[in-house]
Protein backbone atom coordinates (compact mmCIF):
# COMPACT_ATOMS: atom_id res chain seq x y z
CA MET A 1 31.11 -33.66 -24.24
CA PRO A 2 32.24 -34.49 -20.67
CA LEU A 3 30.27 -36.86 -18.50
CA ASP A 4 29.55 -34.31 -15.77
CA LYS A 5 26.89 -34.70 -13.09
CA ASN A 6 24.20 -32.89 -15.06
CA ARG A 7 24.70 -35.08 -18.11
CA ILE A 8 24.75 -38.25 -16.00
CA LYS A 9 21.50 -37.13 -14.40
CA ARG A 10 19.87 -36.66 -17.81
CA LEU A 11 21.12 -40.02 -19.07
CA ARG A 12 19.97 -41.80 -15.92
CA ALA A 13 16.49 -40.33 -16.30
CA ASP A 14 16.17 -42.26 -19.58
CA VAL A 15 16.67 -45.60 -17.76
CA PRO A 16 13.66 -46.35 -15.53
CA ALA A 17 15.39 -49.31 -13.84
CA LEU A 18 17.73 -46.87 -12.08
CA ARG A 19 14.91 -45.37 -10.03
CA ASN A 20 14.53 -46.40 -6.40
CA GLN A 21 17.28 -49.04 -6.52
CA ILE A 22 21.03 -49.36 -7.01
CA TYR A 23 21.66 -51.44 -10.11
CA VAL A 24 25.17 -52.87 -10.36
CA ASN A 25 24.67 -56.00 -12.42
CA TRP A 26 25.42 -54.59 -15.87
CA GLY A 27 27.78 -57.50 -16.52
CA GLY A 28 24.81 -59.85 -16.16
CA GLY A 29 22.23 -57.79 -18.00
CA GLY A 30 22.03 -54.04 -18.44
CA PRO A 31 18.60 -52.38 -18.36
CA SER A 32 17.76 -50.52 -21.56
CA SER A 33 16.80 -46.89 -21.98
CA LYS A 34 13.45 -45.50 -23.05
CA SER A 35 15.16 -44.20 -26.20
CA ILE A 36 16.09 -47.75 -27.20
CA LEU A 37 12.58 -49.00 -26.55
CA ARG A 38 11.08 -46.20 -28.66
CA GLU A 39 13.13 -47.22 -31.70
CA MET A 40 12.10 -50.84 -31.29
CA ASP A 41 8.47 -49.85 -30.85
CA LYS A 42 8.41 -47.73 -34.02
CA PHE A 43 9.34 -50.70 -36.18
CA ALA A 44 7.12 -53.16 -34.29
CA LYS A 45 4.08 -50.92 -34.83
CA ARG A 46 4.72 -50.62 -38.59
CA ASP A 47 5.19 -54.40 -38.76
CA LEU A 48 1.89 -54.85 -36.90
CA GLU A 49 0.05 -52.55 -39.32
CA LEU A 50 1.52 -53.88 -42.58
CA GLY A 51 2.71 -57.44 -41.91
CA SER A 52 6.26 -58.76 -41.90
CA PHE A 53 6.23 -59.69 -45.62
CA HIS A 54 4.91 -56.36 -46.83
CA PRO A 55 7.47 -54.94 -49.30
CA LYS A 56 8.07 -51.85 -47.16
CA ILE A 57 8.69 -53.95 -44.04
CA ARG A 58 10.93 -56.39 -45.91
CA ASN A 59 13.03 -53.52 -47.22
CA GLU A 60 13.14 -51.89 -43.78
CA THR A 61 14.19 -55.19 -42.23
CA THR A 62 17.05 -55.72 -44.66
CA ALA A 63 18.27 -52.15 -44.21
CA ALA A 64 17.94 -52.23 -40.42
CA LEU A 65 19.93 -55.44 -40.05
CA GLN A 66 22.65 -54.15 -42.36
CA ARG A 67 22.85 -50.90 -40.37
CA THR A 68 23.30 -52.99 -37.24
CA ARG A 69 26.18 -54.91 -38.79
CA GLU A 70 27.75 -51.63 -39.90
CA SER A 71 27.40 -50.11 -36.43
CA CYS A 72 28.98 -53.16 -34.78
CA ALA A 73 31.85 -53.08 -37.27
CA LYS A 74 32.57 -49.41 -36.59
CA LEU A 75 32.31 -50.03 -32.86
CA ILE A 76 35.31 -52.39 -32.83
CA GLY A 77 37.14 -51.16 -35.93
CA ALA A 78 36.24 -54.09 -38.18
CA GLU A 79 34.85 -54.40 -41.70
CA THR A 80 31.10 -54.89 -42.05
CA SER A 81 31.72 -58.10 -44.02
CA GLU A 82 33.40 -59.56 -40.92
CA ILE A 83 30.31 -59.18 -38.69
CA ALA A 84 27.53 -61.72 -38.16
CA LEU A 85 24.52 -61.00 -35.96
CA THR A 86 23.88 -63.58 -33.23
CA GLY A 87 21.53 -64.19 -30.33
CA ASN A 88 24.26 -63.88 -27.70
CA THR A 89 27.98 -64.03 -27.04
CA THR A 90 28.20 -67.79 -26.66
CA VAL A 91 26.80 -68.36 -30.15
CA GLY A 92 30.00 -66.89 -31.58
CA ILE A 93 32.15 -69.34 -29.62
CA ASN A 94 29.95 -72.24 -30.76
CA ILE A 95 30.14 -71.15 -34.40
CA SER A 96 33.92 -71.36 -34.10
CA ALA A 97 34.04 -74.70 -32.30
CA ALA A 98 31.58 -76.35 -34.68
CA GLY A 99 33.15 -74.87 -37.80
CA LEU A 100 36.67 -76.18 -37.37
CA THR A 101 37.79 -79.44 -38.96
CA TRP A 102 39.37 -81.37 -36.12
CA ASN A 103 42.26 -83.79 -36.38
CA ALA A 104 43.35 -86.35 -33.82
CA GLY A 105 45.50 -84.73 -31.14
CA ASP A 106 44.40 -81.14 -31.85
CA GLU A 107 44.47 -78.93 -28.77
CA VAL A 108 42.37 -76.07 -27.43
CA VAL A 109 43.82 -73.90 -24.66
CA VAL A 110 41.48 -71.97 -22.35
CA SER A 111 42.23 -69.77 -19.35
CA ASP A 112 41.26 -70.44 -15.73
CA LEU A 113 39.07 -67.30 -15.77
CA GLU A 114 36.60 -68.38 -18.45
CA HIS A 115 32.83 -68.16 -18.42
CA PRO A 116 31.09 -71.50 -19.19
CA GLY A 117 30.30 -70.07 -22.62
CA GLY A 118 34.05 -69.90 -23.25
CA TYR A 119 34.92 -73.48 -22.35
CA LEU A 120 31.81 -75.68 -22.63
CA PRO A 121 31.64 -75.56 -26.48
CA TRP A 122 35.12 -77.06 -26.67
CA LEU A 123 34.18 -79.84 -24.24
CA VAL A 124 31.22 -80.75 -26.47
CA TRP A 125 33.55 -81.22 -29.40
CA ARG A 126 36.04 -83.11 -27.25
CA LYS A 127 33.32 -85.73 -26.74
CA ARG A 128 32.91 -86.11 -30.49
CA ASN A 129 36.53 -85.89 -31.62
CA PRO A 130 39.90 -87.05 -30.27
CA ILE A 131 40.95 -83.52 -29.29
CA LYS A 132 42.42 -82.19 -26.07
CA VAL A 133 41.21 -79.19 -24.05
CA LYS A 134 43.87 -77.69 -21.78
CA LEU A 135 43.60 -75.16 -18.96
CA PHE A 136 46.31 -72.58 -18.38
CA LYS A 137 46.68 -70.54 -15.21
CA THR A 138 46.56 -66.78 -15.60
CA GLY A 139 48.66 -66.23 -12.47
CA GLN A 140 48.86 -62.99 -10.51
CA ASN A 141 50.11 -60.68 -13.24
CA ASP A 142 50.49 -60.37 -17.01
CA ASP A 143 54.06 -61.70 -17.02
CA GLN A 144 52.95 -64.92 -15.34
CA LEU A 145 49.96 -65.18 -17.68
CA LEU A 146 52.03 -64.84 -20.82
CA ARG A 147 54.69 -67.24 -19.54
CA ASN A 148 52.09 -69.87 -18.64
CA LEU A 149 50.29 -69.46 -21.96
CA GLY A 150 53.55 -69.87 -23.83
CA LYS A 151 54.22 -73.12 -21.97
CA ALA A 152 50.69 -74.42 -22.64
CA ILE A 153 50.87 -73.92 -26.41
CA THR A 154 52.37 -76.74 -28.47
CA PRO A 155 52.58 -77.45 -32.23
CA LYS A 156 49.22 -79.22 -31.81
CA THR A 157 47.42 -76.13 -30.47
CA ARG A 158 44.69 -75.03 -32.87
CA VAL A 159 42.82 -72.57 -30.67
CA VAL A 160 43.38 -70.29 -27.69
CA CYS A 161 40.10 -69.09 -26.15
CA ILE A 162 40.14 -66.30 -23.56
CA SER A 163 37.98 -63.47 -22.22
CA HIS A 164 39.07 -59.88 -22.80
CA ILE A 165 37.77 -59.03 -19.31
CA SER A 166 37.13 -61.85 -16.87
CA TRP A 167 33.55 -62.18 -15.69
CA LEU A 168 34.78 -63.60 -12.36
CA ASN A 169 37.01 -60.84 -11.05
CA GLY A 170 37.20 -58.04 -13.62
CA ARG A 171 40.77 -58.70 -14.66
CA ARG A 172 41.64 -57.31 -18.09
CA LEU A 173 43.81 -59.67 -20.08
CA PRO A 174 46.68 -58.35 -22.26
CA LEU A 175 44.99 -58.96 -25.58
CA GLU A 176 47.71 -57.65 -27.91
CA ALA A 177 50.47 -59.66 -26.23
CA ILE A 178 48.34 -62.81 -26.26
CA GLY A 179 47.60 -62.16 -29.91
CA ARG A 180 51.30 -62.02 -30.75
CA ILE A 181 51.87 -65.39 -29.09
CA CYS A 182 48.97 -66.95 -30.99
CA VAL A 183 50.04 -65.53 -34.35
CA SER A 184 53.56 -66.85 -33.78
CA ALA A 185 52.19 -70.28 -32.87
CA GLY A 186 49.70 -70.38 -35.75
CA ALA A 187 46.78 -70.79 -33.34
CA LEU A 188 43.41 -69.13 -33.72
CA LEU A 189 42.69 -66.57 -30.98
CA ILE A 190 39.01 -66.58 -30.01
CA VAL A 191 37.92 -63.93 -27.53
CA ASP A 192 34.84 -63.65 -25.33
CA GLY A 193 34.00 -59.94 -25.41
CA ALA A 194 30.88 -60.12 -23.27
CA GLN A 195 32.39 -58.03 -20.48
CA SER A 196 34.31 -55.57 -22.64
CA VAL A 197 32.22 -54.14 -25.49
CA GLY A 198 30.12 -51.27 -24.13
CA HIS A 199 32.48 -51.11 -21.16
CA ILE A 200 35.83 -50.12 -22.68
CA PRO A 201 36.98 -49.00 -26.15
CA VAL A 202 37.81 -52.00 -28.36
CA LYS A 203 39.85 -51.80 -31.57
CA ILE A 204 40.21 -55.27 -32.97
CA LYS A 205 42.58 -54.82 -35.89
CA ASP A 206 46.27 -55.52 -35.30
CA THR A 207 45.52 -57.50 -32.12
CA GLY A 208 45.90 -60.93 -33.70
CA VAL A 209 42.32 -61.78 -32.75
CA ASP A 210 40.51 -64.10 -35.16
CA VAL A 211 37.07 -64.23 -33.50
CA TYR A 212 35.61 -61.68 -31.08
CA THR A 213 32.13 -61.91 -29.61
CA ILE A 214 29.86 -58.97 -28.75
CA SER A 215 27.01 -59.07 -26.25
CA GLY A 216 24.05 -56.75 -26.80
CA GLN A 217 22.24 -57.08 -23.49
CA LYS A 218 25.03 -56.33 -21.03
CA TRP A 219 27.19 -53.18 -21.01
CA LEU A 220 25.69 -51.91 -24.27
CA MET A 221 22.26 -51.91 -22.56
CA GLY A 222 20.53 -53.47 -25.56
CA PRO A 223 17.71 -56.03 -25.62
CA ASP A 224 18.07 -59.67 -24.60
CA GLY A 225 18.73 -62.09 -27.43
CA THR A 226 21.06 -59.78 -29.35
CA GLY A 227 24.76 -59.92 -30.07
CA ALA A 228 27.29 -60.19 -32.85
CA VAL A 229 30.51 -61.95 -33.70
CA TYR A 230 33.55 -60.64 -35.56
CA ILE A 231 35.22 -63.29 -37.68
CA ARG A 232 38.40 -62.04 -39.31
CA ARG A 233 38.29 -62.38 -43.06
CA GLY A 234 41.22 -64.83 -43.16
CA ALA A 235 39.88 -66.88 -40.26
CA GLY A 236 36.62 -67.40 -42.10
CA LYS A 237 38.42 -69.83 -44.41
CA LYS A 238 39.13 -72.09 -41.42
CA ILE A 239 35.72 -71.78 -39.75
CA GLN A 240 33.35 -73.63 -42.05
CA LEU A 241 29.57 -73.50 -41.95
CA SER A 242 28.16 -75.93 -39.39
CA SER A 243 24.55 -74.93 -40.11
CA ALA A 244 22.81 -73.11 -42.93
CA SER A 245 19.64 -71.31 -43.88
CA PHE A 246 18.16 -69.34 -46.77
CA ARG A 247 20.42 -66.35 -46.08
CA SER A 248 23.59 -68.45 -45.65
CA ALA A 249 23.82 -69.02 -49.39
CA GLN A 250 24.59 -66.52 -52.11
CA THR A 251 23.25 -68.98 -54.69
CA LYS A 252 21.36 -72.24 -54.16
CA ARG A 253 19.87 -74.88 -56.46
CA LEU A 254 17.62 -77.69 -55.38
CA LYS A 255 17.88 -79.51 -58.72
CA THR A 256 21.64 -79.91 -58.45
CA LEU A 257 21.71 -79.97 -54.63
CA SER A 258 24.35 -77.28 -54.67
CA PHE A 259 24.97 -73.84 -53.17
CA THR A 260 27.53 -71.09 -52.92
CA PRO A 261 27.97 -69.65 -49.41
CA GLU A 262 27.40 -65.97 -48.77
CA PRO A 263 30.92 -64.47 -48.93
CA SER A 264 30.54 -62.21 -45.89
CA ALA A 265 30.24 -63.33 -42.26
CA MET A 266 26.47 -63.06 -42.73
CA ARG A 267 26.67 -66.69 -43.88
CA TYR A 268 26.85 -67.68 -40.20
CA GLU A 269 23.42 -66.14 -39.49
CA VAL A 270 20.84 -68.89 -39.42
CA GLY A 271 17.08 -68.33 -39.51
CA THR A 272 14.90 -65.27 -39.08
CA LEU A 273 16.33 -62.56 -36.86
CA ASN A 274 14.33 -60.50 -34.38
CA THR A 275 14.35 -57.20 -36.25
CA PRO A 276 12.98 -54.98 -33.44
CA GLY A 277 15.58 -56.48 -31.10
CA PHE A 278 18.44 -55.75 -33.49
CA ILE A 279 17.13 -52.23 -34.07
CA GLY A 280 17.34 -51.83 -30.30
CA PHE A 281 20.84 -53.34 -30.36
CA ARG A 282 21.97 -50.90 -33.06
CA THR A 283 20.45 -47.98 -31.12
CA ALA A 284 22.34 -49.11 -28.01
CA VAL A 285 25.61 -49.27 -29.96
CA GLU A 286 25.03 -45.78 -31.35
CA GLN A 287 24.25 -44.40 -27.88
CA PHE A 288 27.47 -45.88 -26.52
CA LYS A 289 29.50 -44.35 -29.34
CA LYS A 290 27.76 -40.98 -28.99
CA THR A 291 28.35 -40.87 -25.22
CA GLY A 292 32.03 -41.65 -25.79
CA PRO A 293 33.79 -44.97 -25.06
CA VAL A 294 36.88 -43.28 -23.61
CA SER A 295 34.82 -41.10 -21.27
CA ILE A 296 32.70 -44.07 -20.27
CA GLU A 297 35.74 -46.18 -19.43
CA LYS A 298 37.30 -43.36 -17.42
CA ARG A 299 34.17 -42.88 -15.35
CA ILE A 300 33.68 -46.62 -14.78
CA LEU A 301 37.22 -47.00 -13.49
CA ALA A 302 36.84 -44.00 -11.18
CA LEU A 303 33.66 -45.44 -9.68
CA ALA A 304 35.18 -48.92 -9.31
CA ASN A 305 38.24 -47.44 -7.59
CA ARG A 306 35.98 -45.53 -5.22
CA LEU A 307 34.23 -48.72 -4.15
CA LEU A 308 37.45 -50.73 -3.98
CA SER A 309 39.18 -48.14 -1.81
CA GLN A 310 36.42 -48.51 0.78
CA ILE A 311 35.83 -52.26 0.87
CA ARG A 312 39.53 -53.13 0.85
CA GLY A 313 39.68 -51.64 4.32
CA SER A 314 36.61 -53.45 5.64
CA ARG A 315 37.11 -56.12 8.27
CA ASN A 316 36.08 -59.61 7.14
CA VAL A 317 35.91 -58.58 3.48
CA GLU A 318 38.15 -60.46 1.03
CA VAL A 319 38.50 -58.64 -2.28
CA ILE A 320 38.89 -61.02 -5.26
CA THR A 321 39.41 -58.29 -7.85
CA PRO A 322 43.15 -57.92 -8.67
CA GLU A 323 45.18 -55.64 -6.44
CA GLY A 324 46.00 -52.11 -7.48
CA GLU A 325 43.95 -49.76 -9.60
CA ALA A 326 40.71 -51.08 -11.06
CA GLN A 327 41.13 -52.76 -14.44
CA SER A 328 37.40 -52.70 -15.17
CA GLY A 329 34.03 -52.01 -13.58
CA LEU A 330 33.77 -55.55 -12.19
CA VAL A 331 34.43 -55.70 -8.45
CA SER A 332 34.34 -59.13 -6.78
CA PHE A 333 34.59 -59.91 -3.08
CA ARG A 334 33.63 -62.35 -0.34
CA ILE A 335 32.48 -61.72 3.20
CA ARG A 336 33.99 -64.21 5.60
CA ASN A 337 31.52 -66.65 7.17
CA VAL A 338 28.59 -65.40 5.04
CA GLU A 339 27.52 -67.32 1.93
CA SER A 340 27.78 -65.16 -1.19
CA GLN A 341 24.17 -65.73 -2.27
CA LYS A 342 23.00 -64.70 1.19
CA VAL A 343 25.03 -61.49 0.83
CA VAL A 344 23.36 -60.85 -2.54
CA ASP A 345 19.91 -61.51 -1.08
CA ARG A 346 20.50 -59.29 1.94
CA LEU A 347 21.87 -56.39 -0.11
CA TYR A 348 18.72 -56.44 -2.21
CA ARG A 349 16.27 -56.98 0.64
CA LYS A 350 17.74 -54.35 2.96
CA HIS A 351 19.20 -51.82 0.54
CA GLN A 352 17.69 -52.47 -2.93
CA ILE A 353 21.17 -53.13 -4.30
CA ILE A 354 21.11 -55.48 -7.30
CA LEU A 355 24.25 -57.50 -7.96
CA ARG A 356 25.05 -61.21 -8.23
CA ALA A 357 27.07 -64.16 -7.00
CA VAL A 358 29.66 -65.74 -9.33
CA VAL A 359 31.02 -69.26 -9.28
CA THR A 360 34.55 -68.72 -8.10
CA GLU A 361 35.80 -71.30 -5.59
CA PRO A 362 34.26 -70.57 -3.15
CA PRO A 363 31.59 -68.33 -4.73
CA ALA A 364 32.06 -64.57 -4.63
CA VAL A 365 29.81 -61.53 -4.90
CA ARG A 366 30.24 -59.37 -8.00
CA ALA A 367 29.24 -55.76 -8.52
CA SER A 368 29.47 -54.64 -12.15
CA ILE A 369 29.58 -50.86 -12.22
CA HIS A 370 28.62 -48.78 -15.26
CA TYR A 371 29.03 -45.13 -16.07
CA LEU A 372 25.41 -44.39 -15.14
CA ASN A 373 26.04 -45.36 -11.54
CA THR A 374 26.94 -42.58 -9.11
CA GLU A 375 29.54 -41.85 -6.46
CA GLU A 376 26.80 -41.83 -3.83
CA GLU A 377 25.76 -45.32 -4.89
CA MET A 378 29.32 -46.58 -4.45
CA ASP A 379 29.35 -45.19 -0.91
CA SER A 380 26.00 -46.81 -0.13
CA ILE A 381 27.23 -50.19 -1.41
CA ALA A 382 30.41 -49.93 0.65
CA ASN A 383 28.47 -49.05 3.80
CA ALA A 384 26.06 -51.94 3.28
CA ILE A 385 28.91 -54.40 2.74
CA ASP A 386 30.68 -53.11 5.84
CA ALA A 387 27.53 -53.57 7.92
CA ILE A 388 27.11 -57.19 6.81
CA ALA A 389 30.80 -57.90 7.37
CA ALA A 390 30.59 -56.43 10.87
CA GLY A 391 27.49 -58.50 11.63
CA ARG A 392 25.30 -55.47 12.24
CA LYS A 393 21.58 -56.23 12.00
CA LYS A 394 20.81 -53.18 9.90
CA GLY A 395 23.10 -54.59 7.25
């Protein structure tokens, strides 16, 4: 079913946060729909009436969490046994960093476009082990990126950690080509998927990716505190448990102080999960799949190109997003002589436009555009940016 104006109108009506404001911060946190909330509420009410350890609720909880794992697996083309539910994207990176057995001189290579969640976990382990964390420059195009990555990798490189889509400027990294380099070098490829899943179609098999994180609360429009991580079956042998709980073990015996880990990626799930939240997460995944990932991506790119075409011609506006056609729905820019946070504040105060500043050097303003935004909203954003750039009071 095409994403025509009538369908967009119906879908927008299910998201109250889109009323009376222009919301373009989906890459920070996407507002949920009423449909998602209803599914969460149904379970929460039954839990309230029966209690969380009532047999019916226990069975519903187990089934609901498994359905969520299955939905996430289908979303990226993985096996259900390769999916663990997490509280956010960064948890998946930390599971990887903590689970590896480090040797003196081991190296981790990260890109110069990473979110703190993609590089800080490695720095923590650098403090505890004699390992090296290296930064490689992504350059201006994919050829430069791949050449620089190839130079950064050595026989000591254990891990390459990158984002599929950069949170700073919306650049989409060539995942398959990076994967081939990592496979050839024998390095684990760990990918931050916070800005990609729910934004573009993702098919993880045959990419060479070992770990891929999924964020529930951003482009998928799910609840806060939800996410998942794909850990390739073979990679699971290298990423050991760094924490454990009741559900981490398939068998456990206090008398012998022994246990057998759960064979699936579920072994990485520690503690009680927020069942209503993960029901909302699963509902969000299903809505994304039903709407159509290809159609969603196509619309996002069209909207991003519409905004880019206007602000690239604005005086005093420096566009940070890569040149050419939009690679994603993330559009980053600076306005000369105006602090980025002041731009963000003014756009909200004067125009009810919600976006954010990001910590480029110097900081930039980032609009993250989803398929539920409209062409008229892109024009309004462009006009507001132009007014601020021109120093007009109404802007």
